Amino acid sequence: MPRRNRARRDRPPQAESVGWAQPQSGPDGDWLVRTVPGARATKFYRCPGCDHEIRPGMPHVVAWPAGETGSVSDRRHWHRACWQNRDRRRPTRRR
């Protein structure tokens, strides 16, 4: 009979792993942020920080407001650098 691998209980799960949202606070409020590795990025998105495309295969982050006010429609896909520098720039608006 093959041996089953058991989850290690002495170590917490990796915070950067896919599917885990990390709470972050900033001057613009409280957010839940999840990293998306390039292998899991399969669609085109538009970054609200720079208004450029996030192409399939490009690692990025997904952020949405924390708390009861945040919903699926509030999620936004950001380049990592744009998310980290969002306090220094305002979101761009399409014309």
N, C-alpha and C. Protein backbone atom coordinates (compact mmCIF):
# COMPACT_ATOMS: atom_id res chain seq x y z
N MET A 1 0.84 -1.18 0.00
CA MET A 1 0.00 0.00 0.00
C MET A 1 0.89 1.25 0.00
N PRO A 2 0.63 2.21 -0.92
CA PRO A 2 1.46 3.41 -0.97
C PRO A 2 1.25 4.30 0.25
N ARG A 3 2.31 4.98 0.59
CA ARG A 3 2.28 5.87 1.73
C ARG A 3 1.65 7.21 1.34
N ARG A 4 0.83 7.76 2.20
CA ARG A 4 0.23 9.07 1.96
C ARG A 4 1.10 10.16 2.56
N ASN A 5 1.28 11.21 1.81
CA ASN A 5 2.00 12.37 2.35
C ASN A 5 1.03 13.18 3.19
N ARG A 6 1.43 13.49 4.39
CA ARG A 6 0.58 14.27 5.28
C ARG A 6 1.09 15.69 5.36
N ALA A 7 0.16 16.61 5.52
CA ALA A 7 0.52 18.01 5.65
C ALA A 7 1.27 18.22 6.97
N ARG A 8 2.30 19.04 6.90
CA ARG A 8 3.05 19.34 8.12
C ARG A 8 2.27 20.35 8.93
N ARG A 9 2.07 20.05 10.18
CA ARG A 9 1.29 20.93 11.04
C ARG A 9 2.16 21.90 11.83
N ASP A 10 3.47 21.70 11.80
CA ASP A 10 4.35 22.59 12.56
C ASP A 10 4.71 23.86 11.79
N ARG A 11 4.31 23.96 10.52
CA ARG A 11 4.62 25.11 9.69
C ARG A 11 3.34 25.74 9.16
N PRO A 12 3.18 27.06 9.26
CA PRO A 12 1.99 27.70 8.67
C PRO A 12 2.10 27.67 7.15
N PRO A 13 0.98 27.75 6.43
CA PRO A 13 1.04 27.76 4.96
C PRO A 13 1.77 28.99 4.45
N GLN A 14 2.35 28.87 3.28
CA GLN A 14 3.09 29.98 2.67
C GLN A 14 2.16 31.13 2.35
N ALA A 15 2.52 32.32 2.75
CA ALA A 15 1.69 33.49 2.49
C ALA A 15 1.66 33.85 1.01
N GLU A 16 2.72 33.57 0.28
CA GLU A 16 2.81 33.95 -1.12
C GLU A 16 2.18 32.92 -2.05
N SER A 17 1.67 31.85 -1.52
CA SER A 17 1.14 30.81 -2.40
C SER A 17 -0.17 31.27 -3.03
N VAL A 18 -0.50 30.66 -4.16
CA VAL A 18 -1.70 31.02 -4.90
C VAL A 18 -2.93 30.68 -4.06
N GLY A 19 -3.90 31.55 -4.07
CA GLY A 19 -5.14 31.30 -3.36
C GLY A 19 -5.20 31.94 -1.99
N TRP A 20 -4.10 32.38 -1.47
CA TRP A 20 -4.07 33.02 -0.16
C TRP A 20 -4.06 34.52 -0.35
N ALA A 21 -5.01 35.18 0.27
CA ALA A 21 -5.05 36.64 0.20
C ALA A 21 -4.46 37.19 1.49
N GLN A 22 -3.55 38.13 1.35
CA GLN A 22 -2.90 38.77 2.48
C GLN A 22 -3.52 40.13 2.73
N PRO A 23 -3.86 40.44 3.98
CA PRO A 23 -4.36 41.79 4.26
C PRO A 23 -3.22 42.80 4.21
N GLN A 24 -3.49 43.95 3.62
CA GLN A 24 -2.53 45.05 3.58
C GLN A 24 -3.26 46.34 3.87
N SER A 25 -2.61 47.19 4.63
CA SER A 25 -3.17 48.50 4.94
C SER A 25 -2.29 49.57 4.32
N GLY A 26 -2.90 50.62 3.86
CA GLY A 26 -2.16 51.74 3.28
C GLY A 26 -2.95 53.01 3.46
N PRO A 27 -2.43 54.12 2.95
CA PRO A 27 -3.15 55.38 3.07
C PRO A 27 -4.49 55.36 2.33
N ASP A 28 -4.62 54.44 1.39
CA ASP A 28 -5.86 54.34 0.62
C ASP A 28 -6.84 53.32 1.20
N GLY A 29 -6.57 52.79 2.38
CA GLY A 29 -7.50 51.87 3.03
C GLY A 29 -6.92 50.49 3.24
N ASP A 30 -7.79 49.56 3.62
CA ASP A 30 -7.41 48.17 3.86
C ASP A 30 -7.76 47.34 2.63
N TRP A 31 -6.83 46.46 2.27
CA TRP A 31 -6.97 45.66 1.05
C TRP A 31 -6.67 44.20 1.34
N LEU A 32 -7.20 43.33 0.51
CA LEU A 32 -6.77 41.95 0.45
C LEU A 32 -6.04 41.79 -0.86
N VAL A 33 -4.85 41.20 -0.80
CA VAL A 33 -3.97 41.12 -1.97
C VAL A 33 -3.53 39.68 -2.16
N ARG A 34 -3.62 39.22 -3.39
CA ARG A 34 -3.19 37.86 -3.74
C ARG A 34 -2.21 37.95 -4.90
N THR A 35 -1.11 37.24 -4.80
CA THR A 35 -0.14 37.20 -5.89
C THR A 35 -0.58 36.15 -6.91
N VAL A 36 -0.35 36.44 -8.17
CA VAL A 36 -0.66 35.52 -9.25
C VAL A 36 0.64 35.23 -9.98
N PRO A 37 1.16 34.00 -9.89
CA PRO A 37 2.39 33.69 -10.62
C PRO A 37 2.12 33.65 -12.12
N GLY A 38 3.17 33.83 -12.89
CA GLY A 38 3.03 33.86 -14.34
C GLY A 38 2.38 32.62 -14.93
N ALA A 39 2.65 31.46 -14.36
CA ALA A 39 2.08 30.23 -14.88
C ALA A 39 0.56 30.18 -14.71
N ARG A 40 0.02 30.93 -13.77
CA ARG A 40 -1.43 30.94 -13.52
C ARG A 40 -2.14 32.10 -14.20
N ALA A 41 -1.40 33.03 -14.77
CA ALA A 41 -1.99 34.18 -15.45
C ALA A 41 -2.30 33.78 -16.88
N THR A 42 -3.58 33.63 -17.20
CA THR A 42 -3.96 33.11 -18.51
C THR A 42 -4.77 34.09 -19.35
N LYS A 43 -5.11 35.25 -18.81
CA LYS A 43 -5.92 36.22 -19.55
C LYS A 43 -5.22 37.58 -19.59
N PHE A 44 -5.72 38.45 -20.46
CA PHE A 44 -5.26 39.83 -20.52
C PHE A 44 -6.03 40.64 -19.48
N TYR A 45 -5.33 41.52 -18.79
CA TYR A 45 -5.95 42.45 -17.85
C TYR A 45 -5.36 43.83 -18.11
N ARG A 46 -6.00 44.86 -17.60
CA ARG A 46 -5.47 46.21 -17.72
C ARG A 46 -5.20 46.74 -16.32
N CYS A 47 -3.95 47.13 -16.09
CA CYS A 47 -3.52 47.62 -14.78
C CYS A 47 -4.10 49.02 -14.54
N PRO A 48 -4.79 49.23 -13.41
CA PRO A 48 -5.33 50.56 -13.13
C PRO A 48 -4.26 51.58 -12.75
N GLY A 49 -3.06 51.13 -12.42
CA GLY A 49 -2.00 52.05 -12.04
C GLY A 49 -1.33 52.72 -13.21
N CYS A 50 -1.14 51.99 -14.31
CA CYS A 50 -0.42 52.54 -15.46
C CYS A 50 -1.24 52.49 -16.75
N ASP A 51 -2.38 51.82 -16.71
CA ASP A 51 -3.27 51.66 -17.86
C ASP A 51 -2.63 50.86 -19.00
N HIS A 52 -1.63 50.02 -18.68
CA HIS A 52 -1.04 49.13 -19.66
C HIS A 52 -1.57 47.72 -19.45
N GLU A 53 -1.43 46.89 -20.47
CA GLU A 53 -1.90 45.51 -20.38
C GLU A 53 -1.02 44.67 -19.47
N ILE A 54 -1.66 43.74 -18.80
CA ILE A 54 -0.96 42.65 -18.12
C ILE A 54 -1.21 41.44 -19.00
N ARG A 55 -0.18 40.97 -19.65
CA ARG A 55 -0.32 39.88 -20.62
C ARG A 55 -0.34 38.52 -19.94
N PRO A 56 -0.91 37.51 -20.60
CA PRO A 56 -0.86 36.15 -20.05
C PRO A 56 0.59 35.74 -19.82
N GLY A 57 0.83 35.06 -18.71
CA GLY A 57 2.16 34.62 -18.36
C GLY A 57 2.95 35.62 -17.53
N MET A 58 2.39 36.81 -17.28
CA MET A 58 3.09 37.82 -16.50
C MET A 58 2.64 37.77 -15.04
N PRO A 59 3.59 37.62 -14.11
CA PRO A 59 3.20 37.63 -12.69
C PRO A 59 2.65 39.00 -12.30
N HIS A 60 1.62 39.00 -11.46
CA HIS A 60 1.01 40.25 -11.02
C HIS A 60 0.27 40.02 -9.70
N VAL A 61 -0.44 41.03 -9.22
CA VAL A 61 -1.22 40.89 -7.99
C VAL A 61 -2.68 41.24 -8.29
N VAL A 62 -3.56 40.66 -7.50
CA VAL A 62 -4.98 40.98 -7.54
C VAL A 62 -5.31 41.61 -6.19
N ALA A 63 -5.95 42.76 -6.19
CA ALA A 63 -6.28 43.46 -4.95
C ALA A 63 -7.74 43.85 -4.96
N TRP A 64 -8.37 43.79 -3.78
CA TRP A 64 -9.75 44.22 -3.61
C TRP A 64 -9.93 44.74 -2.20
N PRO A 65 -10.90 45.63 -1.99
CA PRO A 65 -11.09 46.21 -0.66
C PRO A 65 -11.42 45.14 0.38
N ALA A 66 -10.83 45.28 1.55
CA ALA A 66 -11.10 44.34 2.63
C ALA A 66 -12.44 44.67 3.27
N GLY A 67 -13.00 43.70 3.94
CA GLY A 67 -14.26 43.92 4.65
C GLY A 67 -15.46 43.57 3.81
N GLU A 68 -16.60 43.94 4.33
CA GLU A 68 -17.87 43.59 3.69
C GLU A 68 -18.12 44.38 2.41
N THR A 69 -17.45 45.50 2.24
CA THR A 69 -17.70 46.33 1.07
C THR A 69 -17.04 45.77 -0.19
N GLY A 70 -16.03 44.91 -0.04
CA GLY A 70 -15.34 44.36 -1.20
C GLY A 70 -16.09 43.19 -1.80
N SER A 71 -16.22 43.17 -3.12
CA SER A 71 -16.89 42.06 -3.80
C SER A 71 -16.05 41.62 -4.99
N VAL A 72 -16.49 40.61 -5.69
CA VAL A 72 -15.76 40.09 -6.84
C VAL A 72 -15.61 41.17 -7.91
N SER A 73 -16.61 42.00 -8.08
CA SER A 73 -16.52 43.04 -9.10
C SER A 73 -15.53 44.14 -8.73
N ASP A 74 -15.08 44.19 -7.47
CA ASP A 74 -14.12 45.19 -7.03
C ASP A 74 -12.67 44.75 -7.20
N ARG A 75 -12.44 43.51 -7.63
CA ARG A 75 -11.06 43.03 -7.79
C ARG A 75 -10.39 43.72 -8.97
N ARG A 76 -9.14 44.08 -8.79
CA ARG A 76 -8.35 44.70 -9.85
C ARG A 76 -7.00 44.00 -9.94
N HIS A 77 -6.55 43.80 -11.17
CA HIS A 77 -5.26 43.17 -11.43
C HIS A 77 -4.24 44.27 -11.68
N TRP A 78 -3.15 44.25 -10.92
CA TRP A 78 -2.11 45.28 -10.96
C TRP A 78 -0.76 44.65 -11.28
N HIS A 79 0.10 45.40 -11.99
CA HIS A 79 1.52 45.03 -12.04
C HIS A 79 2.04 45.13 -10.61
N ARG A 80 2.98 44.30 -10.25
CA ARG A 80 3.51 44.34 -8.88
C ARG A 80 4.10 45.71 -8.55
N ALA A 81 4.87 46.27 -9.46
CA ALA A 81 5.49 47.58 -9.20
C ALA A 81 4.44 48.68 -9.09
N CYS A 82 3.40 48.62 -9.90
CA CYS A 82 2.34 49.63 -9.82
C CYS A 82 1.61 49.53 -8.48
N TRP A 83 1.36 48.32 -8.01
CA TRP A 83 0.69 48.15 -6.72
C TRP A 83 1.57 48.70 -5.58
N GLN A 84 2.85 48.40 -5.63
CA GLN A 84 3.74 48.85 -4.57
C GLN A 84 3.91 50.37 -4.57
N ASN A 85 3.76 51.01 -5.71
CA ASN A 85 3.94 52.46 -5.83
C ASN A 85 2.62 53.21 -5.97
N ARG A 86 1.51 52.61 -5.63
CA ARG A 86 0.22 53.24 -5.84
C ARG A 86 0.03 54.50 -5.02
N ASP A 87 0.75 54.65 -3.91
CA ASP A 87 0.61 55.86 -3.10
C ASP A 87 1.31 57.06 -3.75
N ARG A 88 2.18 56.81 -4.74
CA ARG A 88 2.89 57.89 -5.42
C ARG A 88 2.26 58.28 -6.74
N ARG A 89 1.25 57.55 -7.16
CA ARG A 89 0.59 57.86 -8.43
C ARG A 89 -0.89 57.63 -8.28
N ARG A 90 -1.64 58.31 -9.06
CA ARG A 90 -3.08 58.14 -9.04
C ARG A 90 -3.47 57.19 -10.16
N PRO A 91 -4.55 56.44 -9.99
CA PRO A 91 -4.99 55.59 -11.10
C PRO A 91 -5.27 56.42 -12.34
N THR A 92 -4.93 55.88 -13.48
CA THR A 92 -5.16 56.59 -14.74
C THR A 92 -6.60 56.36 -15.17
N ARG A 93 -7.09 57.27 -15.98
CA ARG A 93 -8.45 57.15 -16.49
C ARG A 93 -8.37 57.04 -18.00
N ARG A 94 -9.17 56.16 -18.54
CA ARG A 94 -9.24 56.02 -20.00
C ARG A 94 -10.01 57.18 -20.59
N ARG A 95 -9.58 57.60 -21.74
CA ARG A 95 -10.29 58.70 -22.42
C ARG A 95 -11.13 58.15 -23.52
